């Protein structure tokens, strides 16, 4: 694409939307074309001179190439469809929609229009999890045998708004919140997820349709499996952990705090060599400026790769595409369905990244 890519941001007045705006303003290849939010004054305050709107049609009348959508999940479908109708690429926050049907419609519309759909899974760019992906790609721990994937926090006290945890707006509970990132991380490492067997319960917070806790076995087409848990009763506080166990060692990535562990051996059962990284620089920066510095850096990297997608480049990118965005929603819905039926849920292979 010749010249800078012009992007608009929907949901610019929100906490994450404001960070998305900043990533565009800081990106040399991008230009902030316009912002939109029901809180138009809040959006204006972040736009640094770009026009701000509360009306979708007026926003889309501004010349732009792509839209970043940072709104609650239940309002995303008409926003995505309106953007696609104008020939605009879309980078959407996670989850793509609060229903499987809505996510599939968005995914299909992007395909039919030949437009790029990116999923906002910025944790792929956190240094610890990026390290894990590289270890798996390079064969450092031999033949992978299985993964362990965990994401959790204390539940409802973490939320500022009820739309963040009520199923009619959020899609569900822990699976659609902290768990959606970990579902994507599992798929990012495994290649795809095509079989899901699990259980989901809500004995603690008892919000209808919103699970407190979910556990599952996720399988890739080639048979690689992950043991998965998403929970709102992790009383110690927010944690995300991914482990890969292979024939010649294991690798572990965690946040927060950011840290990795790599254990390697020259043969199965051989003498292990251990290497840790606690990312002291990241931890110090977060103590001074909060978690937002790490998230902001990940948004910047994700935006850069979204621009690469628009430009037709895919090789070597970490960004979650439309297939990944859809599959994360399908898995989130499949675990309660498996619990209901007592049987695995089969999903068609999607590919993508």
Protein backbone atom coordinates (compact mmCIF):
# COMPACT_ATOMS: atom_id res chain seq x y z
CA UNK A 1 0.00 0.00 0.00
CA UNK A 2 1.39 3.41 -1.03
CA UNK A 3 1.58 6.04 1.72
CA UNK A 4 0.46 5.80 5.30
CA UNK A 5 -2.51 3.62 6.21
CA UNK A 6 -5.44 5.69 7.47
CA UNK A 7 -7.19 4.09 10.44
CA UNK A 8 -10.26 4.96 12.46
CA UNK A 9 -10.93 3.81 16.02
CA UNK A 10 -14.40 2.92 17.34
CA UNK A 11 -14.57 2.95 21.13
CA UNK A 12 -11.79 5.52 21.43
CA UNK A 13 -12.90 6.92 24.80
CA UNK A 14 -12.49 3.61 26.63
CA UNK A 15 -9.40 2.41 28.48
CA UNK A 16 -8.27 0.02 25.74
CA UNK A 17 -9.55 2.22 22.93
CA UNK A 18 -7.36 5.05 24.15
CA UNK A 19 -4.35 2.74 24.03
CA UNK A 20 -5.29 1.72 20.50
CA UNK A 21 -5.40 5.38 19.49
CA UNK A 22 -1.95 5.92 20.95
CA UNK A 23 -0.53 2.95 19.02
CA UNK A 24 -1.74 4.51 15.77
CA UNK A 25 -0.39 7.95 16.63
CA UNK A 26 3.00 6.38 17.42
CA UNK A 27 3.18 4.23 14.26
CA UNK A 28 5.10 5.88 11.37
CA UNK A 29 3.23 3.85 8.75
CA UNK A 30 -0.21 4.83 10.08
CA UNK A 31 -2.37 7.93 10.36
CA UNK A 32 -5.33 8.45 12.68
CA UNK A 33 -8.19 9.34 10.34
CA UNK A 34 -11.06 9.64 12.85
CA UNK A 35 -12.39 8.36 16.16
CA UNK A 36 -15.87 7.40 17.30
CA UNK A 37 -17.50 6.88 20.69
CA UNK A 38 -20.81 7.58 22.38
CA UNK A 39 -18.65 9.67 24.70
CA UNK A 40 -17.58 12.00 21.92
CA UNK A 41 -15.87 14.41 24.31
CA UNK A 42 -13.72 11.61 25.69
CA UNK A 43 -12.85 10.49 22.17
CA UNK A 44 -12.01 14.06 21.14
CA UNK A 45 -9.63 14.40 24.07
CA UNK A 46 -7.57 11.46 22.79
CA UNK A 47 -7.71 12.19 19.06
CA UNK A 48 -5.01 14.89 18.83
CA UNK A 49 -6.91 16.81 16.20
CA UNK A 50 -8.50 13.93 14.29
CA UNK A 51 -12.29 14.34 13.86
CA UNK A 52 -14.47 12.68 16.50
CA UNK A 53 -18.00 11.36 16.02
CA UNK A 54 -20.79 9.59 17.86
CA UNK A 55 -22.59 8.71 14.59
CA UNK A 56 -21.33 5.65 12.70
CA UNK A 57 -22.22 6.83 9.18
CA UNK A 58 -20.53 10.19 9.64
CA UNK A 59 -17.46 8.44 11.04
CA UNK A 60 -17.30 6.07 8.07
CA UNK A 61 -17.71 8.94 5.63
CA UNK A 62 -14.15 9.98 6.54
CA UNK A 63 -11.57 8.63 4.09
CA UNK A 64 -9.82 5.66 5.72
CA UNK A 65 -8.42 2.21 4.94
CA UNK A 66 -9.17 0.26 8.12
CA UNK A 67 -11.01 0.38 11.43
CA UNK A 68 -9.93 -0.71 14.91
CA UNK A 69 -12.98 -1.73 16.96
CA UNK A 70 -12.59 -1.52 20.72
CA UNK A 71 -16.13 -1.88 22.04
CA UNK A 72 -18.07 -4.43 24.10
CA UNK A 73 -18.50 -7.67 22.16
CA UNK A 74 -22.30 -7.54 21.82
CA UNK A 75 -22.24 -4.40 19.64
CA UNK A 76 -19.39 -5.41 17.30
CA UNK A 77 -21.27 -7.20 14.52
CA UNK A 78 -23.04 -4.17 12.99
CA UNK A 79 -19.83 -2.15 13.32
CA UNK A 80 -17.78 -4.80 11.50
CA UNK A 81 -20.44 -5.21 8.82
CA UNK A 82 -20.65 -1.47 8.21
CA UNK A 83 -16.87 -1.27 7.90
CA UNK A 84 -16.74 -4.21 5.47
CA UNK A 85 -19.53 -2.61 3.41
CA UNK A 86 -17.24 0.42 2.97
CA UNK A 87 -14.34 -1.82 1.91
CA UNK A 88 -12.42 -1.35 5.17
CA UNK A 89 -10.16 -3.87 6.91
CA UNK A 90 -10.95 -4.51 10.60
CA UNK A 91 -8.88 -5.18 13.70
CA UNK A 92 -11.32 -6.21 16.43
CA UNK A 93 -10.85 -6.65 20.14
CA UNK A 94 -11.50 -10.07 21.63
CA UNK A 95 -13.83 -11.88 21.74
CA UNK A 96 -14.91 -11.22 18.17
CA UNK A 97 -18.59 -11.41 19.19
CA UNK A 98 -20.63 -12.59 22.16
CA UNK A 99 -22.16 -15.43 20.11
CA UNK A 100 -20.75 -18.09 17.83
CA UNK A 101 -23.29 -17.20 15.15
CA UNK A 102 -22.31 -13.53 15.20
CA UNK A 103 -18.60 -14.37 15.05
CA UNK A 104 -19.19 -16.67 12.08
CA UNK A 105 -21.13 -13.97 10.24
CA UNK A 106 -18.32 -11.46 10.77
CA UNK A 107 -15.71 -14.00 9.69
CA UNK A 108 -17.68 -14.93 6.56
CA UNK A 109 -18.30 -11.30 5.60
CA UNK A 110 -14.57 -10.51 5.71
CA UNK A 111 -13.85 -13.51 3.49
CA UNK A 112 -16.54 -12.62 0.98
CA UNK A 113 -15.25 -9.05 0.72
CA UNK A 114 -11.60 -10.14 0.51
CA UNK A 115 -10.74 -7.93 3.49
CA UNK A 116 -8.39 -8.53 6.40
CA UNK A 117 -9.90 -9.34 9.79
CA UNK A 118 -7.49 -9.24 12.71
CA UNK A 119 -8.21 -10.52 16.22
CA UNK A 120 -7.00 -8.46 19.17
CA UNK A 121 -4.96 -11.14 20.92
CA UNK A 122 -2.12 -8.90 21.99
CA UNK A 123 -0.74 -11.40 24.53
CA UNK A 124 0.94 -13.14 21.59
CA UNK A 125 3.40 -10.24 21.72
CA UNK A 126 4.18 -10.42 25.44
CA UNK A 127 7.88 -11.37 25.58
CA UNK A 128 7.35 -14.51 27.67
CA UNK A 129 4.73 -15.99 25.34
CA UNK A 130 6.61 -14.94 22.21
CA UNK A 131 9.62 -16.82 23.63
CA UNK A 132 7.47 -19.93 24.07
CA UNK A 133 6.34 -19.80 20.45
CA UNK A 134 9.94 -19.51 19.27
CA UNK A 135 11.06 -22.45 21.44
CA UNK A 136 8.35 -24.64 19.91
CA UNK A 137 9.15 -23.50 16.36
CA UNK A 138 12.88 -24.11 16.77
CA UNK A 139 12.53 -27.63 18.21
CA UNK A 140 14.48 -26.68 21.34
CA UNK A 141 12.57 -29.14 23.56
CA UNK A 142 12.31 -31.91 20.97
CA UNK A 143 9.01 -33.42 19.90
CA UNK A 144 6.13 -31.67 21.72
CA UNK A 145 3.98 -34.06 23.75
CA UNK A 146 1.39 -31.80 25.41
CA UNK A 147 0.61 -28.29 26.65
CA UNK A 148 -0.77 -26.96 29.93
CA UNK A 149 -2.64 -23.68 29.64
CA UNK A 150 -4.06 -21.68 32.56
CA UNK A 151 -5.63 -18.25 32.94
CA UNK A 152 -7.44 -16.87 35.95
CA UNK A 153 -8.21 -14.08 38.38
CA UNK A 154 -10.50 -13.39 41.35
CA UNK A 155 -13.67 -12.88 39.32
CA UNK A 156 -16.36 -10.23 39.63
CA UNK A 157 -14.40 -7.74 41.80
CA UNK A 158 -12.06 -7.27 38.81
CA UNK A 159 -14.80 -5.77 36.62
CA UNK A 160 -15.83 -2.14 36.39
CA UNK A 161 -18.99 -2.76 34.30
CA UNK A 162 -21.59 -5.53 34.33
CA UNK A 163 -21.37 -5.97 30.53
CA UNK A 164 -17.92 -7.45 31.16
CA UNK A 165 -19.35 -10.52 32.91
CA UNK A 166 -23.03 -10.90 31.95
CA UNK A 167 -23.44 -13.55 29.29
CA UNK A 168 -26.01 -11.69 27.18
CA UNK A 169 -23.33 -9.07 26.49
CA UNK A 170 -19.97 -10.75 27.17
CA UNK A 171 -20.81 -14.20 25.76
CA UNK A 172 -20.13 -15.98 29.03
CA UNK A 173 -17.78 -16.07 31.98
CA UNK A 174 -14.14 -16.96 32.51
CA UNK A 175 -13.91 -18.65 29.10
CA UNK A 176 -14.82 -15.40 27.33
CA UNK A 177 -12.72 -13.16 29.57
CA UNK A 178 -9.22 -14.20 30.69
CA UNK A 179 -9.79 -17.61 29.11
CA UNK A 180 -10.23 -16.27 25.58
CA UNK A 181 -6.59 -15.15 25.54
CA UNK A 182 -5.44 -18.55 26.74
CA UNK A 183 -7.61 -20.37 24.18
CA UNK A 184 -5.92 -18.31 21.49
CA UNK A 185 -2.50 -18.99 22.99
CA UNK A 186 -3.15 -22.72 22.87
CA UNK A 187 -4.22 -22.51 19.23
CA UNK A 188 -1.28 -20.24 18.35
CA UNK A 189 1.10 -22.91 19.64
CA UNK A 190 -0.80 -26.03 18.51
CA UNK A 191 -1.68 -24.83 15.01
CA UNK A 192 -5.43 -25.35 15.37
CA UNK A 193 -8.03 -26.77 17.78
CA UNK A 194 -10.51 -29.21 16.28
CA UNK A 195 -11.75 -31.22 19.28
CA UNK A 196 -12.91 -29.97 22.68
CA UNK A 197 -13.91 -31.99 25.74
CA UNK A 198 -14.57 -30.22 29.01
CA UNK A 199 -16.63 -29.08 31.96
CA UNK A 200 -17.85 -25.64 33.05
CA UNK A 201 -19.39 -24.62 36.39
CA UNK A 202 -20.63 -21.46 38.13
CA UNK A 203 -20.99 -22.52 41.75
CA UNK A 204 -19.28 -19.46 43.24
CA UNK A 205 -20.47 -16.24 41.56
CA UNK A 206 -23.64 -17.86 40.19
CA UNK A 207 -24.09 -15.44 37.29
CA UNK A 208 -26.46 -17.11 34.85
CA UNK A 209 -24.67 -18.24 31.71
CA UNK A 210 -21.27 -17.08 32.99
CA UNK A 211 -19.01 -19.89 34.15
CA UNK A 212 -16.68 -19.36 37.14
CA UNK A 213 -14.47 -22.21 36.14
CA UNK A 214 -13.86 -24.31 33.04
CA UNK A 215 -11.47 -27.18 32.41
CA UNK A 216 -10.92 -28.95 29.13
CA UNK A 217 -8.76 -31.07 26.89
CA UNK A 218 -8.14 -29.37 23.55
CA UNK A 219 -6.83 -31.37 20.59
CA UNK A 220 -5.15 -30.33 17.35
CA UNK A 221 -5.75 -32.20 14.05
CA UNK A 222 -2.40 -33.98 14.42
CA UNK A 223 -3.24 -35.22 17.93
CA UNK A 224 -1.26 -32.72 20.04
CA UNK A 225 -3.33 -31.98 23.15
CA UNK A 226 -3.55 -29.21 25.72
CA UNK A 227 -4.84 -29.35 29.28
CA UNK A 228 -6.74 -26.07 29.70
CA UNK A 229 -8.29 -24.12 32.57
CA UNK A 230 -9.95 -20.72 32.77
CA UNK A 231 -11.20 -19.53 36.15
CA UNK A 232 -12.69 -16.63 38.09
CA UNK A 233 -11.75 -18.19 41.44
CA UNK A 234 -7.98 -17.80 41.29
CA UNK A 235 -7.88 -16.14 44.73
CA UNK A 236 -4.17 -15.32 44.47
CA UNK A 237 -4.90 -12.82 41.72
CA UNK A 238 -4.36 -12.55 37.97
CA UNK A 239 -2.17 -15.25 36.40
CA UNK A 240 -1.62 -16.64 32.91
CA UNK A 241 0.64 -19.66 32.50
CA UNK A 242 1.50 -21.81 29.48
CA UNK A 243 3.78 -24.85 29.53
CA UNK A 244 4.97 -27.00 26.64
CA UNK A 245 6.37 -30.45 27.51
CA UNK A 246 8.50 -32.23 24.92
CA UNK A 247 10.76 -35.23 24.48
CA UNK A 248 13.89 -33.23 25.40
CA UNK A 249 12.63 -30.73 27.93
CA UNK A 250 9.93 -28.21 28.75
CA UNK A 251 9.29 -24.49 28.47
CA UNK A 252 7.10 -22.34 30.68
CA UNK A 253 5.87 -18.77 30.22
CA UNK A 254 3.89 -16.78 32.75
CA UNK A 255 2.41 -13.34 33.38
CA UNK A 256 2.09 -11.51 35.80
CA UNK A 257 4.87 -11.18 36.65
CA UNK A 258 6.53 -11.83 33.29
CA UNK A 259 8.86 -14.84 33.45
CA UNK A 260 10.05 -17.87 31.50
CA UNK A 261 11.66 -21.19 32.38
CA UNK A 262 13.44 -23.39 29.84
CA UNK A 263 14.58 -26.89 30.76
CA UNK A 264 16.50 -28.88 28.11
CA UNK A 265 18.32 -32.22 27.96
CA UNK A 266 20.26 -34.05 25.26
CA UNK A 267 17.96 -37.09 25.41
CA UNK A 268 14.76 -38.14 27.21
CA UNK A 269 15.60 -38.46 30.89
CA UNK A 270 19.04 -36.88 30.46
CA UNK A 271 20.67 -34.35 32.77
CA UNK A 272 18.56 -31.18 32.61
CA UNK A 273 19.91 -27.70 31.94
CA UNK A 274 17.78 -24.88 33.25
CA UNK A 275 17.50 -21.25 32.20
CA UNK A 276 15.21 -18.61 33.74
CA UNK A 277 14.31 -15.10 32.67
CA UNK A 278 12.36 -12.89 35.07
CA UNK A 279 12.33 -9.85 32.76
CA UNK A 280 13.49 -7.47 35.46
CA UNK A 281 13.20 -4.47 33.15
CA UNK A 282 9.55 -5.24 32.44
CA UNK A 283 8.79 -5.79 36.11
CA UNK A 284 10.41 -2.49 37.11
CA UNK A 285 8.57 -0.56 34.40
CA UNK A 286 5.25 -2.07 35.47
CA UNK A 287 5.87 -1.16 39.11
CA UNK A 288 6.48 2.43 38.08
CA UNK A 289 3.89 2.86 35.31
CA UNK A 290 1.54 -0.17 35.71
CA UNK A 291 0.66 -3.05 33.40
CA UNK A 292 -0.27 -0.57 30.69
CA UNK A 293 3.33 -0.16 29.53
CA UNK A 294 3.52 -3.84 28.59
CA UNK A 295 0.08 -3.82 27.00
CA UNK A 296 0.87 -0.65 25.06
CA UNK A 297 4.00 -2.19 23.62
CA UNK A 298 2.05 -5.29 22.58
CA UNK A 299 -0.62 -3.14 20.90
CA UNK A 300 2.11 -1.35 18.95
CA UNK A 301 3.57 -4.64 17.71
CA UNK A 302 0.14 -6.00 16.86
CA UNK A 303 -0.75 -2.86 14.90
CA UNK A 304 2.47 -3.12 12.94
CA UNK A 305 1.62 -6.66 11.89
CA UNK A 306 -1.96 -5.69 11.07
CA UNK A 307 -0.49 -3.17 8.64
CA UNK A 308 1.64 -6.00 7.22
CA UNK A 309 -1.53 -8.08 6.69
CA UNK A 310 -3.17 -5.19 4.87
CA UNK A 311 -0.05 -4.93 2.73
CA UNK A 312 -0.38 -8.60 1.76
CA UNK A 313 2.40 -10.03 3.95
CA UNK A 314 1.73 -13.07 6.16
CA UNK A 315 4.98 -15.02 6.48
CA UNK A 316 6.47 -14.92 9.96
CA UNK A 317 3.69 -12.84 11.52
CA UNK A 318 2.35 -13.55 15.01
CA UNK A 319 -0.92 -11.66 14.58
CA UNK A 320 -4.20 -13.50 15.12
CA UNK A 321 -6.22 -13.44 11.89
CA UNK A 322 -9.95 -13.92 11.37
CA UNK A 323 -9.68 -17.71 11.63
CA UNK A 324 -8.04 -17.39 15.05
CA UNK A 325 -10.63 -14.83 16.20
CA UNK A 326 -13.48 -17.14 15.21
CA UNK A 327 -11.97 -20.32 16.65
CA UNK A 328 -11.45 -18.70 20.07
CA UNK A 329 -15.19 -17.96 20.25
CA UNK A 330 -16.10 -21.45 19.03
CA UNK A 331 -13.93 -23.07 21.70
CA UNK A 332 -15.40 -20.83 24.42
CA UNK A 333 -18.86 -22.06 23.44
CA UNK A 334 -17.79 -25.68 22.91
CA UNK A 335 -16.63 -26.34 26.49
CA UNK A 336 -20.06 -25.71 28.12
CA UNK A 337 -21.66 -27.65 25.27
CA UNK A 338 -19.35 -30.59 25.96
CA UNK A 339 -20.25 -30.35 29.65
CA UNK A 340 -23.95 -30.42 28.75
CA UNK A 341 -23.72 -33.46 26.46
CA UNK A 342 -20.84 -35.31 28.07
CA UNK A 343 -19.26 -35.72 24.64
CA UNK A 344 -16.42 -34.04 22.75
CA UNK A 345 -17.29 -31.20 20.37
CA UNK A 346 -15.70 -31.49 16.91
CA UNK A 347 -14.78 -28.33 15.01
CA UNK A 348 -13.71 -28.12 11.34
CA UNK A 349 -10.06 -27.24 10.70
CA UNK A 350 -9.64 -23.57 9.89
CA UNK A 351 -5.92 -23.06 9.34
CA UNK A 352 -4.96 -19.40 9.49
CA UNK A 353 -2.65 -18.00 12.15
